[in-house]
Amino acid sequence: MREIHEMKLTGRLASGADEWSCPTCGRRIALRRPPDPELTVLDPGDQNAVHVGLIEPNPAAAAAAEKYGLGPVQEIPRPPRPAEPAAPDDDDRRWLAEIGIDWDGGAAA
């Protein structure tokens, strides 16, 4: 059975989308509501876990959460992980070498 993680609403982005984060694995998403809904993954976190979240819990939502073993998260959320920079491709490496930068740490070409 896959782990279930509870997402928390953490704020609103400049775009107007809501930012949600998972205090367990660091997953972060931007969720824009209707009429133009959109979901953007900012940090994938644990991609094998099922992520759920509620804005305003109600009795039906509480019963569903209890069924799946969810409750108040007692963990302190960790700060989001910084994005890993993409490694340069061959064209970028050639250009870097031309200006005297060797990305891999050897002598510049």
PDB file of N, CA and C in Angstrom:
ATOM      1  N   MET A   1       0.841  -1.188   0.000  1.00  0.00           N
ATOM      2  CA  MET A   1       0.000   0.000   0.000  1.00  0.00           C
ATOM      3  C   MET A   1       0.888   1.254   0.000  1.00  0.00           C
ATOM      4  N   ARG A   2       0.512   2.227  -0.779  1.00  0.00           N
ATOM      5  CA  ARG A   2       1.274   3.465  -0.883  1.00  0.00           C
ATOM      6  C   ARG A   2       1.016   4.355   0.328  1.00  0.00           C
ATOM      7  N   GLU A   3       2.055   5.102   0.706  1.00  0.00           N
ATOM      8  CA  GLU A   3       1.904   6.050   1.807  1.00  0.00           C
ATOM      9  C   GLU A   3       0.971   7.176   1.395  1.00  0.00           C
ATOM     10  N   ILE A   4       0.249   7.719   2.365  1.00  0.00           N
ATOM     11  CA  ILE A   4      -0.627   8.863   2.121  1.00  0.00           C
ATOM     12  C   ILE A   4      -0.060  10.035   2.901  1.00  0.00           C
ATOM     13  N   HIS A   5       0.194  11.130   2.207  1.00  0.00           N
ATOM     14  CA  HIS A   5       0.731  12.341   2.827  1.00  0.00           C
ATOM     15  C   HIS A   5      -0.314  13.442   2.750  1.00  0.00           C
ATOM     16  N   GLU A   6      -0.379  14.237   3.805  1.00  0.00           N
ATOM     17  CA  GLU A   6      -1.350  15.321   3.863  1.00  0.00           C
ATOM     18  C   GLU A   6      -0.701  16.634   3.444  1.00  0.00           C
ATOM     19  N   MET A   7      -1.228  17.248   2.401  1.00  0.00           N
ATOM     20  CA  MET A   7      -0.734  18.533   1.910  1.00  0.00           C
ATOM     21  C   MET A   7      -1.356  19.649   2.753  1.00  0.00           C
ATOM     22  N   LYS A   8      -0.592  20.721   2.934  1.00  0.00           N
ATOM     23  CA  LYS A   8      -1.056  21.893   3.680  1.00  0.00           C
ATOM     24  C   LYS A   8      -1.043  23.112   2.767  1.00  0.00           C
ATOM     25  N   LEU A   9      -2.083  23.918   2.851  1.00  0.00           N
ATOM     26  CA  LEU A   9      -2.125  25.186   2.132  1.00  0.00           C
ATOM     27  C   LEU A   9      -1.133  26.123   2.820  1.00  0.00           C
ATOM     28  N   THR A  10      -0.120  26.594   2.073  1.00  0.00           N
ATOM     29  CA  THR A  10       0.931  27.400   2.699  1.00  0.00           C
ATOM     30  C   THR A  10       0.924  28.860   2.265  1.00  0.00           C
ATOM     31  N   GLY A  11       0.175  29.210   1.241  1.00  0.00           N
ATOM     32  CA  GLY A  11       0.127  30.614   0.842  1.00  0.00           C
ATOM     33  C   GLY A  11      -0.413  30.803  -0.549  1.00  0.00           C
ATOM     34  N   ARG A  12      -0.381  32.041  -0.990  1.00  0.00           N
ATOM     35  CA  ARG A  12      -0.835  32.385  -2.334  1.00  0.00           C
ATOM     36  C   ARG A  12       0.335  33.000  -3.082  1.00  0.00           C
ATOM     37  N   LEU A  13       0.542  32.545  -4.309  1.00  0.00           N
ATOM     38  CA  LEU A  13       1.632  33.027  -5.146  1.00  0.00           C
ATOM     39  C   LEU A  13       1.213  34.296  -5.885  1.00  0.00           C
ATOM     40  N   ALA A  14       2.185  35.005  -6.423  1.00  0.00           N
ATOM     41  CA  ALA A  14       1.905  36.237  -7.166  1.00  0.00           C
ATOM     42  C   ALA A  14       0.968  35.985  -8.338  1.00  0.00           C
ATOM     43  N   SER A  15       0.994  34.774  -8.893  1.00  0.00           N
ATOM     44  CA  SER A  15       0.134  34.426 -10.021  1.00  0.00           C
ATOM     45  C   SER A  15      -1.325  34.277  -9.604  1.00  0.00           C
ATOM     46  N   GLY A  16      -1.584  34.243  -8.294  1.00  0.00           N
ATOM     47  CA  GLY A  16      -2.943  34.022  -7.800  1.00  0.00           C
ATOM     48  C   GLY A  16      -3.206  32.568  -7.451  1.00  0.00           C
ATOM     49  N   ALA A  17      -2.283  31.674  -7.802  1.00  0.00           N
ATOM     50  CA  ALA A  17      -2.434  30.253  -7.484  1.00  0.00           C
ATOM     51  C   ALA A  17      -2.143  30.025  -6.007  1.00  0.00           C
ATOM     52  N   ASP A  18      -2.793  29.013  -5.435  1.00  0.00           N
ATOM     53  CA  ASP A  18      -2.513  28.611  -4.064  1.00  0.00           C
ATOM     54  C   ASP A  18      -1.279  27.725  -4.052  1.00  0.00           C
ATOM     55  N   GLU A  19      -0.408  27.916  -3.063  1.00  0.00           N
ATOM     56  CA  GLU A  19       0.748  27.037  -2.908  1.00  0.00           C
ATOM     57  C   GLU A  19       0.438  26.035  -1.806  1.00  0.00           C
ATOM     58  N   TRP A  20       0.635  24.757  -2.132  1.00  0.00           N
ATOM     59  CA  TRP A  20       0.427  23.660  -1.183  1.00  0.00           C
ATOM     60  C   TRP A  20       1.765  22.965  -0.991  1.00  0.00           C
ATOM     61  N   SER A  21       2.019  22.500   0.235  1.00  0.00           N
ATOM     62  CA  SER A  21       3.256  21.763   0.476  1.00  0.00           C
ATOM     63  C   SER A  21       2.983  20.581   1.392  1.00  0.00           C
ATOM     64  N   CYS A  22       3.839  19.581   1.267  1.00  0.00           N
ATOM     65  CA  CYS A  22       3.757  18.373   2.081  1.00  0.00           C
ATOM     66  C   CYS A  22       4.870  18.430   3.117  1.00  0.00           C
ATOM     67  N   PRO A  23       4.528  18.521   4.412  1.00  0.00           N
ATOM     68  CA  PRO A  23       5.564  18.586   5.427  1.00  0.00           C
ATOM     69  C   PRO A  23       6.338  17.283   5.586  1.00  0.00           C
ATOM     70  N   THR A  24       5.828  16.188   5.040  1.00  0.00           N
ATOM     71  CA  THR A  24       6.496  14.900   5.174  1.00  0.00           C
ATOM     72  C   THR A  24       7.615  14.728   4.161  1.00  0.00           C
ATOM     73  N   CYS A  25       7.361  15.075   2.889  1.00  0.00           N
ATOM     74  CA  CYS A  25       8.363  14.790   1.851  1.00  0.00           C
ATOM     75  C   CYS A  25       8.828  16.021   1.084  1.00  0.00           C
ATOM     76  N   GLY A  26       8.260  17.179   1.346  1.00  0.00           N
ATOM     77  CA  GLY A  26       8.704  18.389   0.669  1.00  0.00           C
ATOM     78  C   GLY A  26       8.030  18.674  -0.662  1.00  0.00           C
ATOM     79  N   ARG A  27       7.035  17.849  -1.075  1.00  0.00           N
ATOM     80  CA  ARG A  27       6.322  18.125  -2.334  1.00  0.00           C
ATOM     81  C   ARG A  27       5.680  19.498  -2.245  1.00  0.00           C
ATOM     82  N   ARG A  28       5.782  20.279  -3.323  1.00  0.00           N
ATOM     83  CA  ARG A  28       5.157  21.589  -3.395  1.00  0.00           C
ATOM     84  C   ARG A  28       4.459  21.729  -4.733  1.00  0.00           C
ATOM     85  N   ILE A  29       3.254  22.256  -4.699  1.00  0.00           N
ATOM     86  CA  ILE A  29       2.510  22.489  -5.937  1.00  0.00           C
ATOM     87  C   ILE A  29       1.888  23.881  -5.910  1.00  0.00           C
ATOM     88  N   ALA A  30       1.618  24.396  -7.100  1.00  0.00           N
ATOM     89  CA  ALA A  30       0.836  25.614  -7.265  1.00  0.00           C
ATOM     90  C   ALA A  30      -0.478  25.171  -7.901  1.00  0.00           C
ATOM     91  N   LEU A  31      -1.588  25.521  -7.268  1.00  0.00           N
ATOM     92  CA  LEU A  31      -2.902  25.094  -7.738  1.00  0.00           C
ATOM     93  C   LEU A  31      -3.769  26.324  -7.966  1.00  0.00           C
ATOM     94  N   ARG A  32      -4.117  26.542  -9.241  1.00  0.00           N
ATOM     95  CA  ARG A  32      -5.001  27.666  -9.578  1.00  0.00           C
ATOM     96  C   ARG A  32      -6.416  27.119  -9.669  1.00  0.00           C
ATOM     97  N   ARG A  33      -7.328  27.818  -9.060  1.00  0.00           N
ATOM     98  CA  ARG A  33      -8.730  27.379  -8.999  1.00  0.00           C
ATOM     99  C   ARG A  33      -9.499  27.803 -10.249  1.00  0.00           C
ATOM    100  N   PRO A  34     -10.704  27.219 -10.455  1.00  0.00           N
ATOM    101  CA  PRO A  34     -11.555  27.615 -11.581  1.00  0.00           C
ATOM    102  C   PRO A  34     -11.832  29.116 -11.514  1.00  0.00           C
ATOM    103  N   PRO A  35     -12.056  29.747 -12.632  1.00  0.00           N
ATOM    104  CA  PRO A  35     -12.482  29.191 -13.919  1.00  0.00           C
ATOM    105  C   PRO A  35     -11.337  28.713 -14.804  1.00  0.00           C
ATOM    106  N   ASP A  36     -10.078  28.985 -14.458  1.00  0.00           N
ATOM    107  CA  ASP A  36      -8.941  28.521 -15.255  1.00  0.00           C
ATOM    108  C   ASP A  36      -8.041  27.632 -14.396  1.00  0.00           C
ATOM    109  N   PRO A  37      -8.512  26.436 -14.042  1.00  0.00           N
ATOM    110  CA  PRO A  37      -7.731  25.595 -13.132  1.00  0.00           C
ATOM    111  C   PRO A  37      -6.415  25.145 -13.768  1.00  0.00           C
ATOM    112  N   GLU A  38      -5.400  25.047 -12.935  1.00  0.00           N
ATOM    113  CA  GLU A  38      -4.089  24.590 -13.399  1.00  0.00           C
ATOM    114  C   GLU A  38      -3.315  24.075 -12.198  1.00  0.00           C
ATOM    115  N   LEU A  39      -2.564  22.998 -12.387  1.00  0.00           N
ATOM    116  CA  LEU A  39      -1.706  22.451 -11.350  1.00  0.00           C
ATOM    117  C   LEU A  39      -0.280  22.430 -11.878  1.00  0.00           C
ATOM    118  N   THR A  40       0.639  23.032 -11.115  1.00  0.00           N
ATOM    119  CA  THR A  40       2.048  23.054 -11.478  1.00  0.00           C
ATOM    120  C   THR A  40       2.842  22.461 -10.324  1.00  0.00           C
ATOM    121  N   VAL A  41       3.660  21.456 -10.604  1.00  0.00           N
ATOM    122  CA  VAL A  41       4.501  20.850  -9.578  1.00  0.00           C
ATOM    123  C   VAL A  41       5.764  21.693  -9.442  1.00  0.00           C
ATOM    124  N   LEU A  42       5.980  22.245  -8.250  1.00  0.00           N
ATOM    125  CA  LEU A  42       7.154  23.068  -7.984  1.00  0.00           C
ATOM    126  C   LEU A  42       8.307  22.217  -7.461  1.00  0.00           C
ATOM    127  N   ASP A  43       7.995  21.194  -6.681  1.00  0.00           N
ATOM    128  CA  ASP A  43       8.988  20.250  -6.143  1.00  0.00           C
ATOM    129  C   ASP A  43       8.277  18.911  -6.039  1.00  0.00           C
ATOM    130  N   PRO A  44       8.753  17.859  -6.727  1.00  0.00           N
ATOM    131  CA  PRO A  44       8.006  16.611  -6.769  1.00  0.00           C
ATOM    132  C   PRO A  44       7.933  15.862  -5.443  1.00  0.00           C
ATOM    133  N   GLY A  45       8.889  16.037  -4.536  1.00  0.00           N
ATOM    134  CA  GLY A  45       8.843  15.300  -3.276  1.00  0.00           C
ATOM    135  C   GLY A  45       8.809  13.803  -3.538  1.00  0.00           C
ATOM    136  N   ASP A  46       8.062  13.062  -2.724  1.00  0.00           N
ATOM    137  CA  ASP A  46       7.931  11.611  -2.874  1.00  0.00           C
ATOM    138  C   ASP A  46       6.852  11.325  -3.916  1.00  0.00           C
ATOM    139  N   GLN A  47       7.274  10.930  -5.108  1.00  0.00           N
ATOM    140  CA  GLN A  47       6.325  10.713  -6.192  1.00  0.00           C
ATOM    141  C   GLN A  47       5.566   9.396  -6.057  1.00  0.00           C
ATOM    142  N   ASN A  48       5.974   8.545  -5.107  1.00  0.00           N
ATOM    143  CA  ASN A  48       5.267   7.285  -4.890  1.00  0.00           C
ATOM    144  C   ASN A  48       4.149   7.424  -3.871  1.00  0.00           C
ATOM    145  N   ALA A  49       4.102   8.528  -3.148  1.00  0.00           N
ATOM    146  CA  ALA A  49       3.072   8.733  -2.132  1.00  0.00           C
ATOM    147  C   ALA A  49       1.816   9.321  -2.769  1.00  0.00           C
ATOM    148  N   VAL A  50       0.684   9.077  -2.114  1.00  0.00           N
ATOM    149  CA  VAL A  50      -0.577   9.703  -2.501  1.00  0.00           C
ATOM    150  C   VAL A  50      -0.691  10.968  -1.656  1.00  0.00           C
ATOM    151  N   HIS A  51      -0.933  12.108  -2.294  1.00  0.00           N
ATOM    152  CA  HIS A  51      -1.026  13.378  -1.587  1.00  0.00           C
ATOM    153  C   HIS A  51      -2.468  13.865  -1.593  1.00  0.00           C
ATOM    154  N   VAL A  52      -2.953  14.273  -0.411  1.00  0.00           N
ATOM    155  CA  VAL A  52      -4.309  14.793  -0.272  1.00  0.00           C
ATOM    156  C   VAL A  52      -4.253  16.086   0.531  1.00  0.00           C
ATOM    157  N   GLY A  53      -5.252  16.933   0.353  1.00  0.00           N
ATOM    158  CA  GLY A  53      -5.307  18.175   1.113  1.00  0.00           C
ATOM    159  C   GLY A  53      -6.704  18.745   1.137  1.00  0.00           C
ATOM    160  N   LEU A  54      -7.027  19.458   2.203  1.00  0.00           N
ATOM    161  CA  LEU A  54      -8.342  20.072   2.370  1.00  0.00           C
ATOM    162  C   LEU A  54      -8.173  21.519   2.796  1.00  0.00           C
ATOM    163  N   ILE A  55      -9.022  22.394   2.278  1.00  0.00           N
ATOM    164  CA  ILE A  55      -8.984  23.781   2.717  1.00  0.00           C
ATOM    165  C   ILE A  55      -9.865  23.953   3.947  1.00  0.00           C
ATOM    166  N   GLU A  56     -11.089  23.479   3.878  1.00  0.00           N
ATOM    167  CA  GLU A  56     -12.012  23.619   4.997  1.00  0.00           C
ATOM    168  C   GLU A  56     -12.559  22.240   5.351  1.00  0.00           C
ATOM    169  N   PRO A  57     -11.991  21.610   6.382  1.00  0.00           N
ATOM    170  CA  PRO A  57     -12.485  20.280   6.757  1.00  0.00           C
ATOM    171  C   PRO A  57     -13.948  20.337   7.177  1.00  0.00           C
ATOM    172  N   ASN A  58     -14.678  19.301   6.842  1.00  0.00           N
ATOM    173  CA  ASN A  58     -16.061  19.156   7.259  1.00  0.00           C
ATOM    174  C   ASN A  58     -16.232  17.723   7.761  1.00  0.00           C
ATOM    175  N   PRO A  59     -17.375  17.372   8.326  1.00  0.00           N
ATOM    176  CA  PRO A  59     -17.525  16.022   8.877  1.00  0.00           C
ATOM    177  C   PRO A  59     -17.253  14.906   7.866  1.00  0.00           C
ATOM    178  N   ALA A  60     -17.705  15.077   6.627  1.00  0.00           N
ATOM    179  CA  ALA A  60     -17.472  14.036   5.614  1.00  0.00           C
ATOM    180  C   ALA A  60     -15.982  13.927   5.303  1.00  0.00           C
ATOM    181  N   ALA A  61     -15.310  15.073   5.205  1.00  0.00           N
ATOM    182  CA  ALA A  61     -13.874  15.052   4.925  1.00  0.00           C
ATOM    183  C   ALA A  61     -13.105  14.456   6.094  1.00  0.00           C
ATOM    184  N   ALA A  62     -13.520  14.781   7.321  1.00  0.00           N
ATOM    185  CA  ALA A  62     -12.859  14.232   8.502  1.00  0.00           C
ATOM    186  C   ALA A  62     -13.013  12.715   8.550  1.00  0.00           C
ATOM    187  N   ALA A  63     -14.208  12.219   8.195  1.00  0.00           N
ATOM    188  CA  ALA A  63     -14.440  10.766   8.181  1.00  0.00           C
ATOM    189  C   ALA A  63     -13.567  10.093   7.129  1.00  0.00           C
ATOM    190  N   ALA A  64     -13.448  10.721   5.954  1.00  0.00           N
ATOM    191  CA  ALA A  64     -12.604  10.156   4.895  1.00  0.00           C
ATOM    192  C   ALA A  64     -11.142  10.159   5.326  1.00  0.00           C
ATOM    193  N   ALA A  65     -10.700  11.240   5.971  1.00  0.00           N
ATOM    194  CA  ALA A  65      -9.313  11.314   6.435  1.00  0.00           C
ATOM    195  C   ALA A  65      -9.041  10.235   7.474  1.00  0.00           C
ATOM    196  N   GLU A  66      -9.989  10.045   8.384  1.00  0.00           N
ATOM    197  CA  GLU A  66      -9.817   9.017   9.418  1.00  0.00           C
ATOM    198  C   GLU A  66      -9.742   7.627   8.796  1.00  0.00           C
ATOM    199  N   LYS A  67     -10.549   7.390   7.770  1.00  0.00           N
ATOM    200  CA  LYS A  67     -10.555   6.096   7.081  1.00  0.00           C
ATOM    201  C   LYS A  67      -9.170   5.754   6.542  1.00  0.00           C
ATOM    202  N   TYR A  68      -8.446   6.775   6.058  1.00  0.00           N
ATOM    203  CA  TYR A  68      -7.126   6.557   5.484  1.00  0.00           C
ATOM    204  C   TYR A  68      -5.995   6.819   6.477  1.00  0.00           C
ATOM    205  N   GLY A  69      -6.333   7.012   7.733  1.00  0.00           N
ATOM    206  CA  GLY A  69      -5.313   7.169   8.753  1.00  0.00           C
ATOM    207  C   GLY A  69      -4.683   8.546   8.810  1.00  0.00           C
ATOM    208  N   LEU A  70      -5.365   9.545   8.263  1.00  0.00           N
ATOM    209  CA  LEU A  70      -4.824  10.897   8.302  1.00  0.00           C
ATOM    210  C   LEU A  70      -5.355  11.633   9.514  1.00  0.00           C
ATOM    211  N   GLY A  71      -4.584  12.520   9.999  1.00  0.00           N
ATOM    212  CA  GLY A  71      -5.000  13.342  11.123  1.00  0.00           C
ATOM    213  C   GLY A  71      -4.118  14.562  11.155  1.00  0.00           C
ATOM    214  N   PRO A  72      -4.108  15.233  12.277  1.00  0.00           N
ATOM    215  CA  PRO A  72      -3.240  16.408  12.366  1.00  0.00           C
ATOM    216  C   PRO A  72      -1.782  16.001  12.187  1.00  0.00           C
ATOM    217  N   VAL A  73      -1.085  16.706  11.335  1.00  0.00           N
ATOM    218  CA  VAL A  73       0.328  16.420  11.118  1.00  0.00           C
ATOM    219  C   VAL A  73       1.105  17.056  12.264  1.00  0.00           C
ATOM    220  N   GLN A  74       1.911  16.276  12.950  1.00  0.00           N
ATOM    221  CA  GLN A  74       2.647  16.757  14.105  1.00  0.00           C
ATOM    222  C   GLN A  74       4.067  17.189  13.747  1.00  0.00           C
ATOM    223  N   GLU A  75       4.460  17.001  12.514  1.00  0.00           N
ATOM    224  CA  GLU A  75       5.814  17.360  12.110  1.00  0.00           C
ATOM    225  C   GLU A  75       5.920  18.853  11.848  1.00  0.00           C
ATOM    226  N   ILE A  76       7.110  19.388  12.043  1.00  0.00           N
ATOM    227  CA  ILE A  76       7.374  20.776  11.691  1.00  0.00           C
ATOM    228  C   ILE A  76       7.792  20.789  10.231  1.00  0.00           C
ATOM    229  N   PRO A  77       7.109  21.557   9.387  1.00  0.00           N
ATOM    230  CA  PRO A  77       7.471  21.558   7.962  1.00  0.00           C
ATOM    231  C   PRO A  77       8.910  22.015   7.771  1.00  0.00           C
ATOM    232  N   ARG A  78       9.617  21.312   6.914  1.00  0.00           N
ATOM    233  CA  ARG A  78      10.979  21.735   6.594  1.00  0.00           C
ATOM    234  C   ARG A  78      10.914  22.714   5.431  1.00  0.00           C
ATOM    235  N   PRO A  79      11.911  23.565   5.302  1.00  0.00           N
ATOM    236  CA  PRO A  79      11.879  24.509   4.183  1.00  0.00           C
ATOM    237  C   PRO A  79      11.987  23.769   2.858  1.00  0.00           C
ATOM    238  N   PRO A  80      11.457  24.350   1.793  1.00  0.00           N
ATOM    239  CA  PRO A  80      11.533  23.688   0.491  1.00  0.00           C
ATOM    240  C   PRO A  80      12.988  23.504   0.071  1.00  0.00           C
ATOM    241  N   ARG A  81      13.230  22.401  -0.613  1.00  0.00           N
ATOM    242  CA  ARG A  81      14.579  22.148  -1.136  1.00  0.00           C
ATOM    243  C   ARG A  81      14.836  23.071  -2.309  1.00  0.00           C
ATOM    244  N   PRO A  82      16.070  23.580  -2.422  1.00  0.00           N
ATOM    245  CA  PRO A  82      16.366  24.396  -3.603  1.00  0.00           C
ATOM    246  C   PRO A  82      16.360  23.531  -4.852  1.00  0.00           C
ATOM    247  N   ALA A  83      15.954  24.123  -5.941  1.00  0.00           N
ATOM    248  CA  ALA A  83      15.921  23.384  -7.207  1.00  0.00           C
ATOM    249  C   ALA A  83      17.342  23.047  -7.638  1.00  0.00           C
ATOM    250  N   GLU A  84      17.524  21.844  -8.144  1.00  0.00           N
ATOM    251  CA  GLU A  84      18.827  21.426  -8.664  1.00  0.00           C
ATOM    252  C   GLU A  84      19.027  22.070 -10.035  1.00  0.00           C
ATOM    253  N   PRO A  85      20.167  22.728 -10.247  1.00  0.00           N
ATOM    254  CA  PRO A  85      20.394  23.305 -11.575  1.00  0.00           C
ATOM    255  C   PRO A  85      20.570  22.187 -12.605  1.00  0.00           C
ATOM    256  N   ALA A  86      20.049  22.408 -13.776  1.00  0.00           N
ATOM    257  CA  ALA A  86      20.192  21.424 -14.854  1.00  0.00           C
ATOM    258  C   ALA A  86      21.638  21.425 -15.340  1.00  0.00           C
ATOM    259  N   ALA A  87      22.158  20.252 -15.605  1.00  0.00           N
ATOM    260  CA  ALA A  87      23.517  20.148 -16.145  1.00  0.00           C
ATOM    261  C   ALA A  87      23.505  20.684 -17.582  1.00  0.00           C
ATOM    262  N   PRO A  88      24.568  21.377 -17.975  1.00  0.00           N
ATOM    263  CA  PRO A  88      24.593  21.911 -19.339  1.00  0.00           C
ATOM    264  C   PRO A  88      24.684  20.788 -20.368  1.00  0.00           C
ATOM    265  N   ASP A  89      24.045  21.002 -21.512  1.00  0.00           N
ATOM    266  CA  ASP A  89      24.139  20.015 -22.593  1.00  0.00           C
ATOM    267  C   ASP A  89      25.446  20.255 -23.367  1.00  0.00           C
ATOM    268  N   ASP A  90      25.685  19.486 -24.418  1.00  0.00           N
ATOM    269  CA  ASP A  90      26.941  19.579 -25.168  1.00  0.00           C
ATOM    270  C   ASP A  90      27.178  20.970 -25.757  1.00  0.00           C
ATOM    271  N   ASP A  91      26.120  21.606 -26.298  1.00  0.00           N
ATOM    272  CA  ASP A  91      26.273  22.952 -26.861  1.00  0.00           C
ATOM    273  C   ASP A  91      26.672  23.950 -25.775  1.00  0.00           C
ATOM    274  N   ASP A  92      26.025  23.840 -24.602  1.00  0.00           N
ATOM    275  CA  ASP A  92      26.364  24.737 -23.502  1.00  0.00           C
ATOM    276  C   ASP A  92      27.794  24.507 -23.028  1.00  0.00           C
ATOM    277  N   ARG A  93      28.219  23.242 -22.956  1.00  0.00           N
ATOM    278  CA  ARG A  93      29.583  22.931 -22.523  1.00  0.00           C
ATOM    279  C   ARG A  93      30.616  23.514 -23.504  1.00  0.00           C
ATOM    280  N   ARG A  94      30.324  23.426 -24.817  1.00  0.00           N
ATOM    281  CA  ARG A  94      31.236  24.007 -25.815  1.00  0.00           C
ATOM    282  C   ARG A  94      31.334  25.522 -25.629  1.00  0.00           C
ATOM    283  N   TRP A  95      30.189  26.162 -25.434  1.00  0.00           N
ATOM    284  CA  TRP A  95      30.180  27.605 -25.240  1.00  0.00           C
ATOM    285  C   TRP A  95      30.935  27.979 -23.959  1.00  0.00           C
ATOM    286  N   LEU A  96      30.708  27.247 -22.871  1.00  0.00           N
ATOM    287  CA  LEU A  96      31.430  27.509 -21.633  1.00  0.00           C
ATOM    288  C   LEU A  96      32.938  27.363 -21.827  1.00  0.00           C
ATOM    289  N   ALA A  97      33.334  26.307 -22.563  1.00  0.00           N
ATOM    290  CA  ALA A  97      34.766  26.101 -22.833  1.00  0.00           C
ATOM    291  C   ALA A  97      35.336  27.258 -23.642  1.00  0.00           C
ATOM    292  N   GLU A  98      34.556  27.777 -24.600  1.00  0.00           N
ATOM    293  CA  GLU A  98      35.019  28.895 -25.426  1.00  0.00           C
ATOM    294  C   GLU A  98      35.300  30.145 -24.594  1.00  0.00           C
ATOM    295  N   ILE A  99      34.559  30.321 -23.513  1.00  0.00           N
ATOM    296  CA  ILE A  99      34.771  31.514 -22.686  1.00  0.00           C
ATOM    297  C   ILE A  99      35.638  31.202 -21.462  1.00  0.00           C
ATOM    298  N   GLY A 100      36.284  29.997 -21.467  1.00  0.00           N
ATOM    299  CA  GLY A 100      37.254  29.668 -20.432  1.00  0.00           C
ATOM    300  C   GLY A 100      36.701  28.991 -19.195  1.00  0.00           C
ATOM    301  N   ILE A 101      35.487  28.459 -19.271  1.00  0.00           N
ATOM    302  CA  ILE A 101      34.900  27.772 -18.115  1.00  0.00           C
ATOM    303  C   ILE A 101      34.739  26.303 -18.453  1.00  0.00           C
ATOM    304  N   ASP A 102      35.343  25.447 -17.605  1.00  0.00           N
ATOM    305  CA  ASP A 102      35.165  24.000 -17.783  1.00  0.00           C
ATOM    306  C   ASP A 102      34.204  23.526 -16.703  1.00  0.00           C
ATOM    307  N   TRP A 103      33.029  23.189 -17.100  1.00  0.00           N
ATOM    308  CA  TRP A 103      31.971  22.801 -16.166  1.00  0.00           C
ATOM    309  C   TRP A 103      32.377  21.593 -15.323  1.00  0.00           C
ATOM    310  N   ASP A 104      33.121  20.660 -15.892  1.00  0.00           N
ATOM    311  CA  ASP A 104      33.443  19.420 -15.194  1.00  0.00           C
ATOM    312  C   ASP A 104      34.708  19.514 -14.346  1.00  0.00           C
ATOM    313  N   GLY A 105      35.370  20.681 -14.280  1.00  0.00           N
ATOM    314  CA  GLY A 105      36.480  20.871 -13.365  1.00  0.00           C
ATOM    315  C   GLY A 105      37.857  20.581 -13.932  1.00  0.00           C
ATOM    316  N   GLY A 106      37.974  20.152 -15.170  1.00  0.00           N
ATOM    317  CA  GLY A 106      39.286  19.914 -15.774  1.00  0.00           C
ATOM    318  C   GLY A 106      39.794  21.197 -16.418  1.00  0.00           C
ATOM    319  N   ALA A 107      40.777  21.059 -17.242  1.00  0.00           N
ATOM    320  CA  ALA A 107      41.308  22.218 -17.960  1.00  0.00           C
ATOM    321  C   ALA A 107      40.307  22.678 -19.013  1.00  0.00           C
ATOM    322  N   ALA A 108      40.194  23.969 -19.183  1.00  0.00           N
ATOM    323  CA  ALA A 108      39.282  24.501 -20.198  1.00  0.00           C
ATOM    324  C   ALA A 108      39.787  24.145 -21.579  1.00  0.00           C
ATOM    325  N   ALA A 109      38.864  23.838 -22.476  1.00  0.00           N
ATOM    326  CA  ALA A 109      39.250  23.431 -23.842  1.00  0.00           C
ATOM    327  C   ALA A 109      39.661  24.634 -24.651  1.00  0.00           C
TER     328      ALA A 109
END
